[in-house]
Amino acid sequence: MFAWFRRNKIKAKVEETPQRVDLKPINFPANIILLWAKSIEGNEEILLWLRDNGYEALFHATNAIYLRDQSRLWLMENGYAHLMAMINGAEGLESAQHWLMQHKMELLYHMALAIDHNDDSWHWLGQNATPDLVILSKSIQYIKDQIEENHGDIHSMGKDL
């Protein structure tokens, strides 16, 4: 009987092994980045437009920012682990920040740190990033701060925006 449990445990481990997924490019035009920032700020109509017009990654990234696990998983499984690392890095996850630097994703690294209130990274973005990416970073920071504040507020425990 114990052999049956052990056999099923081995099968489960094999099925859990993550598959390698190649990273997809994330170089979007400035007008799409600005639309993405508006969707992050809560414009549902723009969010749905992004999903329906070939920017499904930005739709899921927005939902991942709002802590929706299904979209976080979608990003990882569909070639956008670098976007998920930026989001995790913005939440203070140091391993995600290190991963971005190891893979030479300096822009995403500094966006993550700036969103997490690192003044040096805000300065770096001001010197090296386009204005649309600075605006995007500010939008993400604003929402992340609201989510964190709600999680610390006893009257809104468990409520995400």
Protein backbone atom coordinates (compact mmCIF):
# COMPACT_ATOMS: atom_id res chain seq x y z
CA MET A 1 0.00 0.00 0.00
CA PHE A 2 2.80 2.44 0.85
CA ALA A 3 4.40 1.70 -2.51
CA TRP A 4 1.28 3.09 -4.20
CA PHE A 5 1.60 6.39 -2.29
CA ARG A 6 5.31 6.60 -3.09
CA ARG A 7 4.66 5.91 -6.80
CA ASN A 8 2.00 8.65 -6.96
CA LYS A 9 4.33 11.06 -5.16
CA ILE A 10 7.04 10.42 -7.78
CA LYS A 11 4.53 11.00 -10.60
CA ALA A 12 3.44 14.28 -9.00
CA LYS A 13 7.05 15.48 -8.82
CA VAL A 14 7.60 14.72 -12.50
CA GLU A 15 4.44 16.61 -13.48
CA GLU A 16 5.46 19.65 -11.38
CA THR A 17 8.77 20.12 -13.20
CA PRO A 18 8.51 23.49 -14.94
CA GLN A 19 9.12 23.63 -18.66
CA ARG A 20 11.49 26.14 -20.18
CA VAL A 21 9.63 28.92 -21.96
CA ASP A 22 11.45 31.38 -24.21
CA LEU A 23 10.98 35.03 -23.33
CA LYS A 24 8.94 37.12 -25.73
CA PRO A 25 9.90 40.70 -26.61
CA ILE A 26 8.19 43.47 -24.68
CA ASN A 27 9.05 46.50 -26.78
CA PHE A 28 5.67 48.20 -27.18
CA PRO A 29 5.08 51.62 -28.77
CA ALA A 30 4.82 54.60 -26.41
CA ASN A 31 1.09 55.05 -27.04
CA ILE A 32 0.43 51.44 -25.98
CA ILE A 33 2.57 51.90 -22.84
CA LEU A 34 0.49 54.98 -21.96
CA LEU A 35 -2.74 53.03 -22.53
CA TRP A 36 -1.35 50.30 -20.32
CA ALA A 37 -0.66 52.87 -17.58
CA LYS A 38 -4.30 54.03 -17.81
CA SER A 39 -5.54 50.45 -17.56
CA ILE A 40 -3.39 49.94 -14.45
CA GLU A 41 -4.97 53.06 -12.97
CA GLY A 42 -8.36 51.39 -13.33
CA ASN A 43 -9.70 52.10 -16.81
CA GLU A 44 -11.52 48.83 -17.48
CA GLU A 45 -12.46 49.78 -21.05
CA ILE A 46 -8.80 50.24 -22.02
CA LEU A 47 -7.85 47.03 -20.21
CA LEU A 48 -10.35 45.06 -22.28
CA TRP A 49 -9.22 46.85 -25.45
CA LEU A 50 -5.63 45.75 -24.75
CA ARG A 51 -6.77 42.15 -24.31
CA ASP A 52 -8.85 42.16 -27.49
CA ASN A 53 -6.32 43.93 -29.71
CA GLY A 54 -3.20 41.81 -29.44
CA TYR A 55 -1.83 43.00 -26.10
CA GLU A 56 -2.93 40.08 -23.95
CA ALA A 57 0.39 40.18 -22.07
CA LEU A 58 -0.37 43.72 -20.88
CA PHE A 59 -3.88 42.64 -19.87
CA HIS A 60 -2.41 39.85 -17.74
CA ALA A 61 0.40 42.04 -16.41
CA THR A 62 -2.21 44.50 -15.18
CA ASN A 63 -4.12 41.73 -13.44
CA ALA A 64 -0.85 40.38 -12.00
CA ILE A 65 -0.16 43.81 -10.51
CA TYR A 66 -3.53 43.48 -8.80
CA LEU A 67 -2.33 40.13 -7.35
CA ARG A 68 -4.48 37.86 -9.52
CA ASP A 69 -2.76 34.47 -9.49
CA GLN A 70 -4.27 33.25 -12.77
CA SER A 71 -2.66 36.13 -14.67
CA ARG A 72 0.63 35.70 -12.82
CA LEU A 73 0.69 32.07 -13.96
CA TRP A 74 -0.29 33.08 -17.51
CA LEU A 75 2.69 35.44 -17.72
CA MET A 76 5.07 32.71 -16.58
CA GLU A 77 3.68 30.09 -18.96
CA ASN A 78 3.46 32.34 -22.02
CA GLY A 79 6.94 33.84 -22.27
CA TYR A 80 6.59 36.89 -20.04
CA ALA A 81 8.55 35.77 -16.99
CA HIS A 82 10.54 39.00 -17.27
CA LEU A 83 7.35 41.06 -16.78
CA MET A 84 6.44 38.87 -13.82
CA ALA A 85 9.96 39.33 -12.40
CA MET A 86 9.55 43.10 -12.70
CA ILE A 87 6.21 42.93 -10.86
CA ASN A 88 7.66 40.66 -8.16
CA GLY A 89 10.71 42.92 -7.91
CA ALA A 90 8.42 45.91 -7.46
CA GLU A 91 6.88 44.04 -4.54
CA GLY A 92 10.33 43.82 -2.94
CA LEU A 93 11.19 40.24 -3.90
CA GLU A 94 14.98 40.38 -4.03
CA SER A 95 15.36 37.12 -5.95
CA ALA A 96 13.29 38.60 -8.79
CA GLN A 97 15.40 41.76 -8.74
CA HIS A 98 18.60 39.69 -8.91
CA TRP A 99 17.14 37.57 -11.73
CA LEU A 100 16.50 40.70 -13.78
CA MET A 101 20.10 41.87 -13.36
CA GLN A 102 21.53 38.41 -14.06
CA HIS A 103 19.62 38.37 -17.35
CA LYS A 104 20.77 41.88 -18.27
CA MET A 105 17.31 43.45 -17.99
CA GLU A 106 18.54 46.67 -16.46
CA LEU A 107 15.49 48.72 -17.46
CA LEU A 108 13.04 46.29 -15.84
CA TYR A 109 15.34 46.04 -12.82
CA HIS A 110 15.32 49.80 -12.28
CA MET A 111 11.59 50.01 -12.93
CA ALA A 112 11.02 47.40 -10.20
CA LEU A 113 13.26 49.17 -7.72
CA ALA A 114 11.82 52.60 -8.52
CA ILE A 115 8.29 51.29 -8.03
CA ASP A 116 9.51 49.95 -4.67
CA HIS A 117 10.63 53.53 -3.77
CA ASN A 118 14.33 53.38 -4.59
CA ASP A 119 15.45 56.96 -5.29
CA ASP A 120 18.61 55.87 -7.14
CA SER A 121 16.50 53.86 -9.58
CA TRP A 122 14.12 56.81 -10.10
CA HIS A 123 17.19 58.86 -10.99
CA TRP A 124 18.41 56.10 -13.34
CA LEU A 125 14.99 55.98 -15.06
CA GLY A 126 15.02 59.75 -15.45
CA GLN A 127 18.37 59.52 -17.23
CA ASN A 128 17.85 56.33 -19.27
CA ALA A 129 14.16 55.62 -19.81
CA THR A 130 11.61 57.20 -22.10
CA PRO A 131 8.88 59.37 -20.51
CA ASP A 132 6.18 56.75 -21.18
CA LEU A 133 8.08 54.19 -19.08
CA VAL A 134 8.51 56.68 -16.24
CA ILE A 135 4.75 57.36 -16.33
CA LEU A 136 4.07 53.61 -16.37
CA SER A 137 6.35 53.10 -13.35
CA LYS A 138 4.56 55.88 -11.44
CA SER A 139 1.17 54.31 -12.25
CA ILE A 140 2.31 50.90 -11.01
CA GLN A 141 3.83 52.46 -7.88
CA TYR A 142 0.58 54.27 -7.07
CA ILE A 143 -1.49 51.07 -7.34
CA LYS A 144 1.06 48.95 -5.47
CA ASP A 145 1.09 51.53 -2.65
CA GLN A 146 -2.73 51.44 -2.49
CA ILE A 147 -2.74 47.64 -2.37
CA GLU A 148 -0.14 47.63 0.40
CA GLU A 149 -2.07 50.26 2.34
CA ASN A 150 -5.28 48.23 2.04
CA HIS A 151 -3.49 45.13 3.29
CA GLY A 152 -2.33 47.04 6.37
CA ASP A 153 -5.72 48.62 7.07
CA ILE A 154 -7.81 46.56 9.48
CA HIS A 155 -11.01 47.88 7.85
CA SER A 156 -10.09 46.63 4.41
CA MET A 157 -8.17 43.42 5.21
CA GLY A 158 -8.28 41.00 2.32
CA LYS A 159 -9.65 43.55 -0.10
CA ASP A 160 -7.55 44.33 -3.11
CA LEU A 161 -8.46 47.22 -5.32
